[in-house]
Amino acid sequence: MEKLITEFSIGLFFWQTVIFIFLILLLKKFAWKPILDAVNEREEGIKNALLSAEKAKEEMASLQSDNEETLKKARSERDSLLKEAREIKQQLIDEAKSEAKNEAKKIISQAQETIQNEKNAAIVDLKNQVAGLSIDIAEKVLKEKLSDDKAQMKLVKDLVKEVTLK
């Protein structure tokens, strides 16, 4: 019985081995290739996804770098525009001050000229009035002094001597 069990075990082992090998060949022919193809396809998909992720990461880094560069340029341009605006503002203020000073000088000059002209006119008027008064006074004095012929002759002689001396 022991022998029978041993032979049976060996026979069973043999047939199990044959079935196992047959099963392996059958699986190799019909199942392993599609399974391996699916695994390889999955592996390729993962590799492609990793490559795409790496490219996307690089593009993101590049875009971030570009964005930072664009921001730097925009800030620089903004600072430049602000500086230019400040300079223009200061220039306008300086021009307005200069124009106001020039206008004030012009007004003062015109006022001084007007004052001088009025002063000169007043002096001329005063001279004319003094001359008129002087003539009136002289006329009255002469009328009084020249009422006499002797006095007239003496005055004419004195005037002739003065005129010839000068």
Protein backbone atom coordinates (compact mmCIF):
# COMPACT_ATOMS: atom_id res chain seq x y z
CA MET A 1 0.00 0.00 0.00
CA GLU A 2 2.76 2.26 0.68
CA LYS A 3 4.16 1.42 -2.63
CA LEU A 4 0.91 2.13 -4.29
CA ILE A 5 0.65 5.45 -2.59
CA THR A 6 4.19 6.29 -3.61
CA GLU A 7 3.55 5.27 -7.21
CA PHE A 8 0.31 7.14 -7.19
CA SER A 9 2.09 10.22 -5.80
CA ILE A 10 4.77 9.97 -8.42
CA GLY A 11 2.18 9.54 -11.17
CA LEU A 12 0.21 12.40 -9.77
CA PHE A 13 3.35 14.51 -9.58
CA PHE A 14 4.22 13.62 -13.18
CA TRP A 15 0.78 14.49 -14.47
CA GLN A 16 0.65 17.66 -12.44
CA THR A 17 4.02 18.63 -13.87
CA VAL A 18 2.84 17.85 -17.43
CA ILE A 19 -0.39 19.81 -16.87
CA PHE A 20 1.61 22.67 -15.32
CA ILE A 21 4.00 22.79 -18.29
CA PHE A 22 1.08 22.55 -20.71
CA LEU A 23 -0.66 25.31 -18.81
CA ILE A 24 2.49 27.46 -18.90
CA LEU A 25 2.81 26.93 -22.67
CA LEU A 26 -0.87 27.65 -23.15
CA LEU A 27 -0.62 30.80 -21.02
CA LYS A 28 2.56 31.82 -22.82
CA LYS A 29 0.89 31.53 -26.18
CA PHE A 30 -2.46 33.15 -25.36
CA ALA A 31 -2.22 35.17 -22.13
CA TRP A 32 1.34 36.29 -21.38
CA LYS A 33 1.89 38.16 -24.59
CA PRO A 34 -1.26 40.32 -24.17
CA ILE A 35 -0.46 40.74 -20.45
CA LEU A 36 3.17 41.69 -21.21
CA ASP A 37 2.02 43.98 -24.02
CA ALA A 38 -0.42 45.66 -21.63
CA VAL A 39 2.30 45.98 -18.98
CA ASN A 40 4.77 47.37 -21.55
CA GLU A 41 2.12 49.72 -22.88
CA ARG A 42 1.36 50.85 -19.34
CA GLU A 43 5.09 51.34 -18.70
CA GLU A 44 5.42 53.43 -21.89
CA GLY A 45 2.39 55.47 -20.86
CA ILE A 46 3.95 56.13 -17.46
CA LYS A 47 7.29 57.08 -19.07
CA ASN A 48 5.50 59.44 -21.48
CA ALA A 49 3.50 60.94 -18.64
CA LEU A 50 6.71 61.47 -16.64
CA LEU A 51 8.40 63.06 -19.68
CA SER A 52 5.36 65.28 -20.25
CA ALA A 53 5.36 66.24 -16.58
CA GLU A 54 9.07 67.07 -16.77
CA LYS A 55 8.52 69.15 -19.92
CA ALA A 56 5.59 70.90 -18.27
CA LYS A 57 7.75 71.58 -15.22
CA GLU A 58 10.49 73.03 -17.43
CA GLU A 59 7.94 75.13 -19.34
CA MET A 60 6.49 76.36 -16.06
CA ALA A 61 9.98 77.31 -14.88
CA SER A 62 10.60 79.04 -18.21
CA LEU A 63 7.25 80.83 -18.01
CA GLN A 64 7.92 81.84 -14.44
CA SER A 65 11.32 83.18 -15.49
CA ASP A 66 9.67 85.02 -18.39
CA ASN A 67 7.01 86.38 -16.05
CA GLU A 68 9.65 87.60 -13.61
CA GLU A 69 11.57 89.21 -16.46
CA THR A 70 8.36 90.84 -17.74
CA LEU A 71 7.59 92.08 -14.22
CA LYS A 72 11.12 93.50 -13.91
CA LYS A 73 10.73 95.27 -17.24
CA ALA A 74 7.29 96.58 -16.29
CA ARG A 75 8.60 97.84 -12.95
CA SER A 76 11.58 99.41 -14.65
CA GLU A 77 9.33 101.07 -17.23
CA ARG A 78 6.96 102.25 -14.49
CA ASP A 79 9.90 103.70 -12.52
CA SER A 80 11.18 105.36 -15.68
CA LEU A 81 7.76 106.85 -16.44
CA LEU A 82 7.39 108.08 -12.86
CA LYS A 83 10.86 109.64 -12.98
CA GLU A 84 10.05 111.28 -16.31
CA ALA A 85 6.74 112.55 -14.93
CA ARG A 86 8.53 114.01 -11.89
CA GLU A 87 11.08 115.68 -14.16
CA ILE A 88 8.33 117.11 -16.38
CA LYS A 89 6.45 118.33 -13.31
CA GLN A 90 9.60 120.00 -11.95
CA GLN A 91 10.34 121.47 -15.37
CA LEU A 92 6.80 122.88 -15.61
CA ILE A 93 7.10 124.34 -12.10
CA ASP A 94 10.48 125.87 -12.95
CA GLU A 95 9.13 127.28 -16.22
CA ALA A 96 6.09 128.71 -14.44
CA LYS A 97 8.32 130.31 -11.79
CA SER A 98 10.63 131.70 -14.45
CA GLU A 99 7.70 133.01 -16.48
CA ALA A 100 6.17 134.56 -13.36
CA LYS A 101 9.49 136.22 -12.48
CA ASN A 102 9.86 137.53 -16.03
CA GLU A 103 6.28 138.80 -16.01
CA ALA A 104 6.85 140.45 -12.62
CA LYS A 105 10.06 142.07 -13.89
CA LYS A 106 8.21 143.24 -16.99
CA ILE A 107 5.37 144.70 -14.92
CA ILE A 108 7.84 146.37 -12.54
CA SER A 109 9.83 147.71 -15.50
CA GLN A 110 6.67 149.06 -17.12
CA ALA A 111 5.59 150.59 -13.81
CA GLN A 112 9.02 152.21 -13.35
CA GLU A 113 8.91 153.48 -16.93
CA THR A 114 5.40 154.85 -16.39
CA ILE A 115 6.51 156.49 -13.15
CA GLN A 116 9.56 157.97 -14.87
CA ASN A 117 7.43 159.24 -17.78
CA GLU A 118 4.92 160.80 -15.37
CA LYS A 119 7.78 162.28 -13.34
CA ASN A 120 9.33 163.72 -16.50
CA ALA A 121 5.95 165.04 -17.59
CA ALA A 122 5.44 166.56 -14.15
CA ILE A 123 8.93 168.13 -14.28
CA VAL A 124 8.27 169.52 -17.76
CA ASP A 125 4.91 170.82 -16.61
CA LEU A 126 6.52 172.31 -13.51
CA LYS A 127 9.26 173.88 -15.64
CA ASN A 128 6.63 175.30 -17.98
CA GLN A 129 4.70 176.69 -15.07
CA VAL A 130 7.91 178.11 -13.51
CA ALA A 131 8.91 179.55 -16.87
CA GLY A 132 5.46 181.08 -17.31
CA LEU A 133 5.58 182.52 -13.81
CA SER A 134 9.13 183.73 -14.38
CA ILE A 135 8.08 185.43 -17.59
CA ASP A 136 5.09 186.96 -15.91
CA ILE A 137 7.27 188.18 -13.03
CA ALA A 138 9.96 189.38 -15.40
CA GLU A 139 7.39 191.12 -17.52
CA LYS A 140 5.97 192.91 -14.53
CA VAL A 141 9.44 193.82 -13.25
CA LEU A 142 10.52 195.01 -16.68
CA LYS A 143 7.39 197.01 -17.11
CA GLU A 144 8.10 198.66 -13.85
CA LYS A 145 11.81 199.22 -14.49
CA LEU A 146 11.46 200.06 -18.12
CA SER A 147 8.85 202.61 -17.66
CA ASP A 148 11.65 205.07 -17.75
CA ASP A 149 13.84 205.58 -20.96
CA LYS A 150 17.05 205.91 -19.08
CA ALA A 151 16.56 202.60 -17.33
CA GLN A 152 15.72 200.92 -20.65
CA MET A 153 18.97 202.10 -22.23
CA LYS A 154 21.04 200.95 -19.29
CA LEU A 155 19.41 197.48 -19.40
CA VAL A 156 19.99 197.13 -23.14
CA LYS A 157 23.66 198.09 -22.76
CA ASP A 158 24.16 195.58 -19.93
CA LEU A 159 22.49 192.82 -21.96
CA VAL A 160 24.62 193.59 -25.00
CA LYS A 161 27.79 193.39 -22.90
CA GLU A 162 26.69 190.04 -21.45
CA VAL A 163 25.81 188.59 -24.83
CA THR A 164 29.08 189.60 -26.44
CA LEU A 165 31.09 188.21 -23.55
CA LYS A 166 29.57 184.80 -23.64
